[in-house]
Amino acid sequence: MQRRKFKSIIDKFESKIERLEERIEEQNSLQPDLKLYIADEKNNLNDEIEIHPVFIKKTRKEYLSEVLKEGGIRELEKELKELRKKIESGKHVVLSISNGLKGKLLEVDKLESYEKKLTEYFEKLKKYRVSYREYQSLYANVVSLNFVLFNEGNFLAEGVKFYIYFSPRLKLSNELNFFKPPEFYEKKPKDPRLSSISDLFTSKLSMPGISLPSIPQITPKTYGGPYISKRSRSIQVMYWTDKLLHRHTHNFDPVYLLPPDKEIDIDIKYSIYAENVAGTSEGTLRLKIIPKK
């Protein structure tokens, strides 16, 4: 009787253990399965892809038009025109403020000297901007790489980070503007009228202390990357996302690649990490770049 009783209890425990094992096996089968792809122009996902670089080229006239639209050039043009009008009118410039105090009379010859210096600065700035644009037009042979992460598993992935590794011989950017212009070292000449205003306020007016509330600085953050960093043996590109549902894709901001002029094959290694997945997913994407002739 005792043996029969104990056997019944053991059978119940074994049955519970079997059901528990089934539930654990079922839970373990619910796993994300993350793969990385490159999307083409039609958003098809590829392990291997052929890409033709986009050749950016514009006429000198188009470049000059763009240069003139840039900040600083238009303002300088207006400043020069207004200055010439005042010089041609032959009038002295009188500075005044609302309470009736008047600044020094500024003689025309000082304005003419300033106009000459400003014109020289303006011409140098224009040449600098145009030469940079021409340089960009000749060499901007850019490839846009659009990476897509696909969760092929049957459960969501959380806290995903993945790293892509390129050859250190390549040029990569997270912005389309590859060519950082050289530093422009010329300083804009000092306007004699501005110094007069400064003297007027500092010498003749006593300004009461004003306390302004501080404004918190908000640093913009690019959500999801790409974040590019140079390593000794590779260029590392990092992306991230909080969650990726099962059977879903996520398109990330592109990386821009400046390839050599010749045809080139590139193997792109990658590794993917997720907080709720043990280990890493690794793979290789193959990229063939064929320049247009």
C-alpha atoms as a PDB file:
ATOM      1  CA  MET A   1       0.000   0.000   0.000  1.00  0.00           C
ATOM      2  CA  GLN A   2       2.793   2.430   0.928  1.00  0.00           C
ATOM      3  CA  ARG A   3       4.750   1.624  -2.247  1.00  0.00           C
ATOM      4  CA  ARG A   4       1.613   2.137  -4.359  1.00  0.00           C
ATOM      5  CA  LYS A   5       0.952   5.485  -2.633  1.00  0.00           C
ATOM      6  CA  PHE A   6       4.510   6.750  -3.172  1.00  0.00           C
ATOM      7  CA  LYS A   7       4.457   5.629  -6.827  1.00  0.00           C
ATOM      8  CA  SER A   8       1.282   7.719  -7.381  1.00  0.00           C
ATOM      9  CA  ILE A   9       2.974  10.799  -5.879  1.00  0.00           C
ATOM     10  CA  ILE A  10       6.119  10.241  -8.000  1.00  0.00           C
ATOM     11  CA  ASP A  11       3.993   9.857 -11.160  1.00  0.00           C
ATOM     12  CA  LYS A  12       2.340  13.228 -10.472  1.00  0.00           C
ATOM     13  CA  PHE A  13       5.724  14.912  -9.995  1.00  0.00           C
ATOM     14  CA  GLU A  14       7.058  13.374 -13.197  1.00  0.00           C
ATOM     15  CA  SER A  15       3.992  14.588 -15.086  1.00  0.00           C
ATOM     16  CA  LYS A  16       4.488  18.135 -13.730  1.00  0.00           C
ATOM     17  CA  ILE A  17       8.183  18.040 -14.637  1.00  0.00           C
ATOM     18  CA  GLU A  18       7.333  16.951 -18.197  1.00  0.00           C
ATOM     19  CA  ARG A  19       4.824  19.806 -18.595  1.00  0.00           C
ATOM     20  CA  LEU A  20       7.393  22.253 -17.186  1.00  0.00           C
ATOM     21  CA  GLU A  21      10.047  21.008 -19.630  1.00  0.00           C
ATOM     22  CA  GLU A  22       7.582  21.446 -22.503  1.00  0.00           C
ATOM     23  CA  ARG A  23       6.883  25.040 -21.420  1.00  0.00           C
ATOM     24  CA  ILE A  24      10.623  25.790 -21.117  1.00  0.00           C
ATOM     25  CA  GLU A  25      11.228  24.311 -24.587  1.00  0.00           C
ATOM     26  CA  GLU A  26       8.324  26.325 -25.986  1.00  0.00           C
ATOM     27  CA  GLN A  27       9.657  29.532 -24.352  1.00  0.00           C
ATOM     28  CA  ASN A  28      13.176  28.880 -25.654  1.00  0.00           C
ATOM     29  CA  SER A  29      11.820  28.502 -29.184  1.00  0.00           C
ATOM     30  CA  LEU A  30      10.540  32.122 -29.043  1.00  0.00           C
ATOM     31  CA  GLN A  31      13.744  33.886 -30.089  1.00  0.00           C
ATOM     32  CA  PRO A  32      14.642  36.878 -32.247  1.00  0.00           C
ATOM     33  CA  ASP A  33      16.741  36.038 -35.297  1.00  0.00           C
ATOM     34  CA  LEU A  34      18.481  39.198 -36.533  1.00  0.00           C
ATOM     35  CA  LYS A  35      19.982  39.551 -40.027  1.00  0.00           C
ATOM     36  CA  LEU A  36      21.476  42.583 -41.760  1.00  0.00           C
ATOM     37  CA  TYR A  37      20.848  43.482 -45.398  1.00  0.00           C
ATOM     38  CA  ILE A  38      21.573  46.282 -47.882  1.00  0.00           C
ATOM     39  CA  ALA A  39      18.508  47.835 -49.530  1.00  0.00           C
ATOM     40  CA  ASP A  40      18.589  48.803 -53.201  1.00  0.00           C
ATOM     41  CA  GLU A  41      16.695  51.702 -54.821  1.00  0.00           C
ATOM     42  CA  LYS A  42      13.473  49.647 -54.833  1.00  0.00           C
ATOM     43  CA  ASN A  43      13.991  48.687 -51.144  1.00  0.00           C
ATOM     44  CA  ASN A  44      14.728  45.047 -51.967  1.00  0.00           C
ATOM     45  CA  LEU A  45      16.899  43.365 -49.311  1.00  0.00           C
ATOM     46  CA  ASN A  46      20.226  41.961 -50.517  1.00  0.00           C
ATOM     47  CA  ASP A  47      23.238  40.051 -49.178  1.00  0.00           C
ATOM     48  CA  GLU A  48      25.142  41.002 -52.330  1.00  0.00           C
ATOM     49  CA  ILE A  49      24.572  44.150 -54.351  1.00  0.00           C
ATOM     50  CA  GLU A  50      26.038  46.009 -57.325  1.00  0.00           C
ATOM     51  CA  ILE A  51      26.058  49.801 -57.040  1.00  0.00           C
ATOM     52  CA  HIS A  52      26.935  52.550 -59.516  1.00  0.00           C
ATOM     53  CA  PRO A  53      28.211  55.736 -57.804  1.00  0.00           C
ATOM     54  CA  VAL A  54      26.313  58.970 -58.390  1.00  0.00           C
ATOM     55  CA  PHE A  55      28.555  61.480 -60.148  1.00  0.00           C
ATOM     56  CA  ILE A  56      27.844  65.006 -58.898  1.00  0.00           C
ATOM     57  CA  LYS A  57      28.720  67.621 -61.483  1.00  0.00           C
ATOM     58  CA  LYS A  58      27.467  71.150 -62.089  1.00  0.00           C
ATOM     59  CA  THR A  59      28.467  73.985 -64.358  1.00  0.00           C
ATOM     60  CA  ARG A  60      30.560  76.896 -63.099  1.00  0.00           C
ATOM     61  CA  LYS A  61      27.507  79.136 -63.449  1.00  0.00           C
ATOM     62  CA  GLU A  62      25.414  76.805 -61.249  1.00  0.00           C
ATOM     63  CA  TYR A  63      28.182  76.715 -58.660  1.00  0.00           C
ATOM     64  CA  LEU A  64      28.530  80.478 -58.594  1.00  0.00           C
ATOM     65  CA  SER A  65      24.773  80.763 -58.140  1.00  0.00           C
ATOM     66  CA  GLU A  66      24.907  78.376 -55.161  1.00  0.00           C
ATOM     67  CA  VAL A  67      27.882  80.178 -53.631  1.00  0.00           C
ATOM     68  CA  LEU A  68      26.061  83.502 -53.739  1.00  0.00           C
ATOM     69  CA  LYS A  69      23.085  81.959 -51.931  1.00  0.00           C
ATOM     70  CA  GLU A  70      25.277  80.836 -49.042  1.00  0.00           C
ATOM     71  CA  GLY A  71      25.163  82.745 -45.779  1.00  0.00           C
ATOM     72  CA  GLY A  72      27.678  85.559 -45.500  1.00  0.00           C
ATOM     73  CA  ILE A  73      28.111  86.288 -49.211  1.00  0.00           C
ATOM     74  CA  ARG A  74      24.723  87.970 -49.731  1.00  0.00           C
ATOM     75  CA  GLU A  75      25.107  89.954 -46.501  1.00  0.00           C
ATOM     76  CA  LEU A  76      28.533  91.199 -47.608  1.00  0.00           C
ATOM     77  CA  GLU A  77      27.139  92.243 -50.995  1.00  0.00           C
ATOM     78  CA  LYS A  78      24.416  94.310 -49.311  1.00  0.00           C
ATOM     79  CA  GLU A  79      26.913  95.807 -46.886  1.00  0.00           C
ATOM     80  CA  LEU A  80      29.194  96.909 -49.749  1.00  0.00           C
ATOM     81  CA  LYS A  81      26.307  98.467 -51.697  1.00  0.00           C
ATOM     82  CA  GLU A  82      25.070 100.474 -48.703  1.00  0.00           C
ATOM     83  CA  LEU A  83      28.607 101.600 -47.918  1.00  0.00           C
ATOM     84  CA  ARG A  84      29.200 102.845 -51.487  1.00  0.00           C
ATOM     85  CA  LYS A  85      25.926 104.794 -51.424  1.00  0.00           C
ATOM     86  CA  LYS A  86      27.026 106.618 -48.262  1.00  0.00           C
ATOM     87  CA  ILE A  87      30.459 107.357 -49.682  1.00  0.00           C
ATOM     88  CA  GLU A  88      28.991 108.639 -52.989  1.00  0.00           C
ATOM     89  CA  SER A  89      26.581 110.900 -51.114  1.00  0.00           C
ATOM     90  CA  GLY A  90      29.614 112.543 -49.445  1.00  0.00           C
ATOM     91  CA  LYS A  91      27.832 112.787 -46.089  1.00  0.00           C
ATOM     92  CA  HIS A  92      29.347 112.167 -42.693  1.00  0.00           C
ATOM     93  CA  VAL A  93      27.849 109.336 -40.652  1.00  0.00           C
ATOM     94  CA  VAL A  94      26.331 110.414 -37.349  1.00  0.00           C
ATOM     95  CA  LEU A  95      25.601 107.847 -34.669  1.00  0.00           C
ATOM     96  CA  SER A  96      22.754 108.554 -32.290  1.00  0.00           C
ATOM     97  CA  ILE A  97      20.660 106.836 -29.644  1.00  0.00           C
ATOM     98  CA  SER A  98      17.192 107.487 -28.275  1.00  0.00           C
ATOM     99  CA  ASN A  99      18.228 109.756 -25.379  1.00  0.00           C
ATOM    100  CA  GLY A 100      19.828 112.296 -27.719  1.00  0.00           C
ATOM    101  CA  LEU A 101      23.524 111.529 -27.094  1.00  0.00           C
ATOM    102  CA  LYS A 102      25.498 111.646 -30.339  1.00  0.00           C
ATOM    103  CA  GLY A 103      28.626 109.738 -31.331  1.00  0.00           C
ATOM    104  CA  LYS A 104      31.669 110.963 -33.189  1.00  0.00           C
ATOM    105  CA  LEU A 105      31.444 112.149 -36.767  1.00  0.00           C
ATOM    106  CA  LEU A 106      32.952 109.506 -39.009  1.00  0.00           C
ATOM    107  CA  GLU A 107      34.923 110.989 -41.932  1.00  0.00           C
ATOM    108  CA  VAL A 108      34.372 109.749 -45.475  1.00  0.00           C
ATOM    109  CA  ASP A 109      38.027 108.754 -46.023  1.00  0.00           C
ATOM    110  CA  LYS A 110      37.759 106.256 -43.148  1.00  0.00           C
ATOM    111  CA  LEU A 111      34.735 104.707 -44.827  1.00  0.00           C
ATOM    112  CA  GLU A 112      36.582 104.516 -48.150  1.00  0.00           C
ATOM    113  CA  SER A 113      39.519 102.732 -46.501  1.00  0.00           C
ATOM    114  CA  TYR A 114      37.103 100.311 -44.855  1.00  0.00           C
ATOM    115  CA  GLU A 115      35.269  99.736 -48.144  1.00  0.00           C
ATOM    116  CA  LYS A 116      38.550  98.860 -49.887  1.00  0.00           C
ATOM    117  CA  LYS A 117      39.481  96.315 -47.204  1.00  0.00           C
ATOM    118  CA  LEU A 118      35.968  94.869 -47.206  1.00  0.00           C
ATOM    119  CA  THR A 119      36.012  94.504 -51.016  1.00  0.00           C
ATOM    120  CA  GLU A 120      39.328  92.616 -50.866  1.00  0.00           C
ATOM    121  CA  TYR A 121      37.948  90.335 -48.152  1.00  0.00           C
ATOM    122  CA  PHE A 122      34.763  89.765 -50.187  1.00  0.00           C
ATOM    123  CA  GLU A 123      36.706  88.786 -53.344  1.00  0.00           C
ATOM    124  CA  LYS A 124      38.954  86.362 -51.447  1.00  0.00           C
ATOM    125  CA  LEU A 125      35.931  84.763 -49.771  1.00  0.00           C
ATOM    126  CA  LYS A 126      34.169  84.341 -53.128  1.00  0.00           C
ATOM    127  CA  LYS A 127      37.226  82.678 -54.709  1.00  0.00           C
ATOM    128  CA  TYR A 128      37.623  80.388 -51.730  1.00  0.00           C
ATOM    129  CA  ARG A 129      33.976  79.280 -51.886  1.00  0.00           C
ATOM    130  CA  VAL A 130      33.991  78.799 -55.677  1.00  0.00           C
ATOM    131  CA  SER A 131      37.245  76.791 -55.668  1.00  0.00           C
ATOM    132  CA  TYR A 132      35.856  74.493 -52.972  1.00  0.00           C
ATOM    133  CA  ARG A 133      32.693  73.936 -54.935  1.00  0.00           C
ATOM    134  CA  GLU A 134      34.661  73.110 -58.085  1.00  0.00           C
ATOM    135  CA  TYR A 135      36.773  70.664 -56.105  1.00  0.00           C
ATOM    136  CA  GLN A 136      33.635  69.016 -54.799  1.00  0.00           C
ATOM    137  CA  SER A 137      32.116  68.765 -58.281  1.00  0.00           C
ATOM    138  CA  LEU A 138      35.178  66.960 -59.627  1.00  0.00           C
ATOM    139  CA  TYR A 139      35.608  64.395 -56.878  1.00  0.00           C
ATOM    140  CA  ALA A 140      32.235  63.729 -55.258  1.00  0.00           C
ATOM    141  CA  ASN A 141      31.675  60.211 -56.544  1.00  0.00           C
ATOM    142  CA  VAL A 142      29.431  59.039 -53.736  1.00  0.00           C
ATOM    143  CA  VAL A 143      27.758  55.711 -52.907  1.00  0.00           C
ATOM    144  CA  SER A 144      24.793  55.636 -50.528  1.00  0.00           C
ATOM    145  CA  LEU A 145      24.576  52.451 -48.430  1.00  0.00           C
ATOM    146  CA  ASN A 146      21.157  51.829 -46.903  1.00  0.00           C
ATOM    147  CA  PHE A 147      21.269  49.160 -44.202  1.00  0.00           C
ATOM    148  CA  VAL A 148      18.154  47.281 -43.098  1.00  0.00           C
ATOM    149  CA  LEU A 149      17.857  45.066 -40.007  1.00  0.00           C
ATOM    150  CA  PHE A 150      15.353  42.201 -40.276  1.00  0.00           C
ATOM    151  CA  ASN A 151      14.077  40.156 -37.339  1.00  0.00           C
ATOM    152  CA  GLU A 152      13.395  36.785 -38.956  1.00  0.00           C
ATOM    153  CA  GLY A 153      12.611  35.150 -35.600  1.00  0.00           C
ATOM    154  CA  ASN A 154       9.297  34.719 -33.769  1.00  0.00           C
ATOM    155  CA  PHE A 155       9.908  37.079 -30.840  1.00  0.00           C
ATOM    156  CA  LEU A 156      10.799  40.759 -30.478  1.00  0.00           C
ATOM    157  CA  ALA A 157      14.427  41.844 -30.063  1.00  0.00           C
ATOM    158  CA  GLU A 158      15.279  44.407 -27.378  1.00  0.00           C
ATOM    159  CA  GLY A 159      18.249  46.743 -26.920  1.00  0.00           C
ATOM    160  CA  VAL A 160      19.754  46.014 -30.327  1.00  0.00           C
ATOM    161  CA  LYS A 161      23.202  47.292 -31.311  1.00  0.00           C
ATOM    162  CA  PHE A 162      25.107  46.288 -34.391  1.00  0.00           C
ATOM    163  CA  TYR A 163      28.518  47.090 -35.768  1.00  0.00           C
ATOM    164  CA  ILE A 164      29.657  47.151 -39.392  1.00  0.00           C
ATOM    165  CA  TYR A 165      33.347  47.027 -40.280  1.00  0.00           C
ATOM    166  CA  PHE A 166      34.869  48.623 -43.400  1.00  0.00           C
ATOM    167  CA  SER A 167      38.420  48.661 -44.719  1.00  0.00           C
ATOM    168  CA  PRO A 168      40.447  51.584 -43.240  1.00  0.00           C
ATOM    169  CA  ARG A 169      41.494  52.520 -46.806  1.00  0.00           C
ATOM    170  CA  LEU A 170      37.941  53.646 -47.653  1.00  0.00           C
ATOM    171  CA  LYS A 171      36.352  57.041 -46.939  1.00  0.00           C
ATOM    172  CA  LEU A 172      33.069  57.001 -45.032  1.00  0.00           C
ATOM    173  CA  SER A 173      30.726  59.693 -43.764  1.00  0.00           C
ATOM    174  CA  ASN A 174      27.304  59.895 -42.108  1.00  0.00           C
ATOM    175  CA  GLU A 175      26.641  63.060 -44.142  1.00  0.00           C
ATOM    176  CA  LEU A 176      26.588  63.551 -47.890  1.00  0.00           C
ATOM    177  CA  ASN A 177      29.070  66.416 -47.611  1.00  0.00           C
ATOM    178  CA  PHE A 178      32.354  64.526 -47.892  1.00  0.00           C
ATOM    179  CA  PHE A 179      34.686  67.405 -48.555  1.00  0.00           C
ATOM    180  CA  LYS A 180      35.350  69.609 -45.597  1.00  0.00           C
ATOM    181  CA  PRO A 181      36.609  72.929 -46.989  1.00  0.00           C
ATOM    182  CA  PRO A 182      40.025  74.173 -45.900  1.00  0.00           C
ATOM    183  CA  GLU A 183      40.046  76.821 -43.172  1.00  0.00           C
ATOM    184  CA  PHE A 184      39.514  80.381 -44.377  1.00  0.00           C
ATOM    185  CA  TYR A 185      42.048  82.375 -42.386  1.00  0.00           C
ATOM    186  CA  GLU A 186      41.214  85.879 -43.620  1.00  0.00           C
ATOM    187  CA  LYS A 187      39.563  88.067 -40.983  1.00  0.00           C
ATOM    188  CA  LYS A 188      36.787  90.435 -41.872  1.00  0.00           C
ATOM    189  CA  PRO A 189      38.016  94.041 -41.470  1.00  0.00           C
ATOM    190  CA  LYS A 190      36.729  95.907 -38.437  1.00  0.00           C
ATOM    191  CA  ASP A 191      34.010  98.430 -39.174  1.00  0.00           C
ATOM    192  CA  PRO A 192      35.052 101.835 -37.719  1.00  0.00           C
ATOM    193  CA  ARG A 193      31.401 102.656 -37.051  1.00  0.00           C
ATOM    194  CA  LEU A 194      31.025  99.695 -34.711  1.00  0.00           C
ATOM    195  CA  SER A 195      33.927 100.844 -32.534  1.00  0.00           C
ATOM    196  CA  SER A 196      32.281 104.275 -32.233  1.00  0.00           C
ATOM    197  CA  ILE A 197      29.049 102.701 -30.962  1.00  0.00           C
ATOM    198  CA  SER A 198      31.045 100.640 -28.472  1.00  0.00           C
ATOM    199  CA  ASP A 199      32.936 103.738 -27.216  1.00  0.00           C
ATOM    200  CA  LEU A 200      29.693 105.649 -26.889  1.00  0.00           C
ATOM    201  CA  PHE A 201      28.055 103.042 -24.672  1.00  0.00           C
ATOM    202  CA  THR A 202      31.075 102.367 -22.478  1.00  0.00           C
ATOM    203  CA  SER A 203      32.090 105.970 -21.869  1.00  0.00           C
ATOM    204  CA  LYS A 204      28.851 107.983 -21.677  1.00  0.00           C
ATOM    205  CA  LEU A 205      26.269 105.553 -20.375  1.00  0.00           C
ATOM    206  CA  SER A 206      26.171 103.661 -17.105  1.00  0.00           C
ATOM    207  CA  MET A 207      24.237 100.460 -17.704  1.00  0.00           C
ATOM    208  CA  PRO A 208      22.608  98.817 -14.658  1.00  0.00           C
ATOM    209  CA  GLY A 209      23.429  95.143 -14.102  1.00  0.00           C
ATOM    210  CA  ILE A 210      20.856  92.820 -15.676  1.00  0.00           C
ATOM    211  CA  SER A 211      20.479  89.215 -14.580  1.00  0.00           C
ATOM    212  CA  LEU A 212      18.952  86.957 -17.226  1.00  0.00           C
ATOM    213  CA  PRO A 213      17.659  83.454 -16.515  1.00  0.00           C
ATOM    214  CA  SER A 214      19.937  80.752 -17.880  1.00  0.00           C
ATOM    215  CA  ILE A 215      18.569  78.639 -20.736  1.00  0.00           C
ATOM    216  CA  PRO A 216      19.386  74.935 -20.566  1.00  0.00           C
ATOM    217  CA  GLN A 217      21.391  73.671 -23.527  1.00  0.00           C
ATOM    218  CA  ILE A 218      19.755  70.843 -25.462  1.00  0.00           C
ATOM    219  CA  THR A 219      22.196  68.717 -27.438  1.00  0.00           C
ATOM    220  CA  PRO A 220      20.595  67.207 -30.548  1.00  0.00           C
ATOM    221  CA  LYS A 221      20.999  63.431 -30.786  1.00  0.00           C
ATOM    222  CA  THR A 222      20.762  61.359 -33.919  1.00  0.00           C
ATOM    223  CA  TYR A 223      18.539  58.462 -32.911  1.00  0.00           C
ATOM    224  CA  GLY A 224      19.748  55.094 -34.120  1.00  0.00           C
ATOM    225  CA  GLY A 225      23.080  56.196 -35.633  1.00  0.00           C
ATOM    226  CA  PRO A 226      25.155  55.888 -37.679  1.00  0.00           C
ATOM    227  CA  TYR A 227      28.085  56.612 -35.408  1.00  0.00           C
ATOM    228  CA  ILE A 228      31.403  56.264 -37.285  1.00  0.00           C
ATOM    229  CA  SER A 229      34.734  55.732 -35.528  1.00  0.00           C
ATOM    230  CA  LYS A 230      38.163  54.865 -36.909  1.00  0.00           C
ATOM    231  CA  ARG A 231      39.990  51.808 -35.589  1.00  0.00           C
ATOM    232  CA  SER A 232      43.502  50.589 -36.288  1.00  0.00           C
ATOM    233  CA  ARG A 233      42.337  47.838 -38.641  1.00  0.00           C
ATOM    234  CA  SER A 234      38.905  49.028 -39.717  1.00  0.00           C
ATOM    235  CA  ILE A 235      36.322  51.805 -39.807  1.00  0.00           C
ATOM    236  CA  GLN A 236      33.518  50.896 -37.408  1.00  0.00           C
ATOM    237  CA  VAL A 237      29.928  52.012 -37.998  1.00  0.00           C
ATOM    238  CA  MET A 238      27.474  51.562 -35.119  1.00  0.00           C
ATOM    239  CA  TYR A 239      23.660  51.607 -35.209  1.00  0.00           C
ATOM    240  CA  TRP A 240      21.145  50.922 -32.447  1.00  0.00           C
ATOM    241  CA  THR A 241      17.425  50.602 -31.790  1.00  0.00           C
ATOM    242  CA  ASP A 242      15.306  49.910 -28.682  1.00  0.00           C
ATOM    243  CA  LYS A 243      12.979  47.249 -30.087  1.00  0.00           C
ATOM    244  CA  LEU A 244      12.427  45.336 -33.283  1.00  0.00           C
ATOM    245  CA  LEU A 245       9.249  43.229 -33.522  1.00  0.00           C
ATOM    246  CA  HIS A 246       9.372  39.713 -34.952  1.00  0.00           C
ATOM    247  CA  ARG A 247       9.037  39.513 -38.759  1.00  0.00           C
ATOM    248  CA  HIS A 248       9.684  43.259 -39.002  1.00  0.00           C
ATOM    249  CA  THR A 249      12.384  45.348 -40.704  1.00  0.00           C
ATOM    250  CA  HIS A 250      14.010  48.617 -39.632  1.00  0.00           C
ATOM    251  CA  ASN A 251      15.621  50.990 -42.158  1.00  0.00           C
ATOM    252  CA  PHE A 252      18.529  53.045 -40.791  1.00  0.00           C
ATOM    253  CA  ASP A 253      20.020  56.331 -41.983  1.00  0.00           C
ATOM    254  CA  PRO A 254      22.472  55.735 -44.840  1.00  0.00           C
ATOM    255  CA  VAL A 255      26.252  55.693 -44.709  1.00  0.00           C
ATOM    256  CA  TYR A 256      27.974  57.469 -47.590  1.00  0.00           C
ATOM    257  CA  LEU A 257      31.020  55.865 -49.133  1.00  0.00           C
ATOM    258  CA  LEU A 258      33.569  57.537 -51.401  1.00  0.00           C
ATOM    259  CA  PRO A 259      35.073  54.675 -53.435  1.00  0.00           C
ATOM    260  CA  PRO A 260      38.180  54.708 -55.641  1.00  0.00           C
ATOM    261  CA  ASP A 261      37.719  55.457 -59.350  1.00  0.00           C
ATOM    262  CA  LYS A 262      38.257  51.829 -60.316  1.00  0.00           C
ATOM    263  CA  GLU A 263      35.876  48.895 -59.946  1.00  0.00           C
ATOM    264  CA  ILE A 264      36.062  47.406 -56.453  1.00  0.00           C
ATOM    265  CA  ASP A 265      34.622  44.460 -54.476  1.00  0.00           C
ATOM    266  CA  ILE A 266      34.092  45.021 -50.733  1.00  0.00           C
ATOM    267  CA  ASP A 267      33.318  42.445 -48.037  1.00  0.00           C
ATOM    268  CA  ILE A 268      31.488  44.150 -45.178  1.00  0.00           C
ATOM    269  CA  LYS A 269      31.640  42.253 -41.866  1.00  0.00           C
ATOM    270  CA  TYR A 270      28.992  42.865 -39.203  1.00  0.00           C
ATOM    271  CA  SER A 271      28.035  41.707 -35.702  1.00  0.00           C
ATOM    272  CA  ILE A 272      24.642  42.152 -33.980  1.00  0.00           C
ATOM    273  CA  TYR A 273      23.938  42.204 -30.237  1.00  0.00           C
ATOM    274  CA  ALA A 274      20.564  42.166 -28.439  1.00  0.00           C
ATOM    275  CA  GLU A 275      19.868  42.337 -24.703  1.00  0.00           C
ATOM    276  CA  ASN A 276      17.465  39.385 -24.763  1.00  0.00           C
ATOM    277  CA  VAL A 277      19.618  37.130 -26.974  1.00  0.00           C
ATOM    278  CA  ALA A 278      22.635  35.148 -25.798  1.00  0.00           C
ATOM    279  CA  GLY A 279      25.754  35.613 -27.950  1.00  0.00           C
ATOM    280  CA  THR A 280      25.990  37.533 -31.237  1.00  0.00           C
ATOM    281  CA  SER A 281      24.820  37.228 -34.828  1.00  0.00           C
ATOM    282  CA  GLU A 282      27.609  37.690 -37.355  1.00  0.00           C
ATOM    283  CA  GLY A 283      27.742  37.812 -41.109  1.00  0.00           C
ATOM    284  CA  THR A 284      29.179  39.346 -44.276  1.00  0.00           C
ATOM    285  CA  LEU A 285      27.617  41.575 -46.912  1.00  0.00           C
ATOM    286  CA  ARG A 286      29.217  41.765 -50.352  1.00  0.00           C
ATOM    287  CA  LEU A 287      29.310  45.045 -52.245  1.00  0.00           C
ATOM    288  CA  LYS A 288      30.451  45.485 -55.847  1.00  0.00           C
ATOM    289  CA  ILE A 289      30.989  49.086 -56.950  1.00  0.00           C
ATOM    290  CA  ILE A 290      31.111  49.727 -60.700  1.00  0.00           C
ATOM    291  CA  PRO A 291      31.853  53.363 -61.692  1.00  0.00           C
ATOM    292  CA  LYS A 292      29.880  54.690 -64.647  1.00  0.00           C
ATOM    293  CA  LYS A 293      32.008  55.511 -67.675  1.00  0.00           C
END
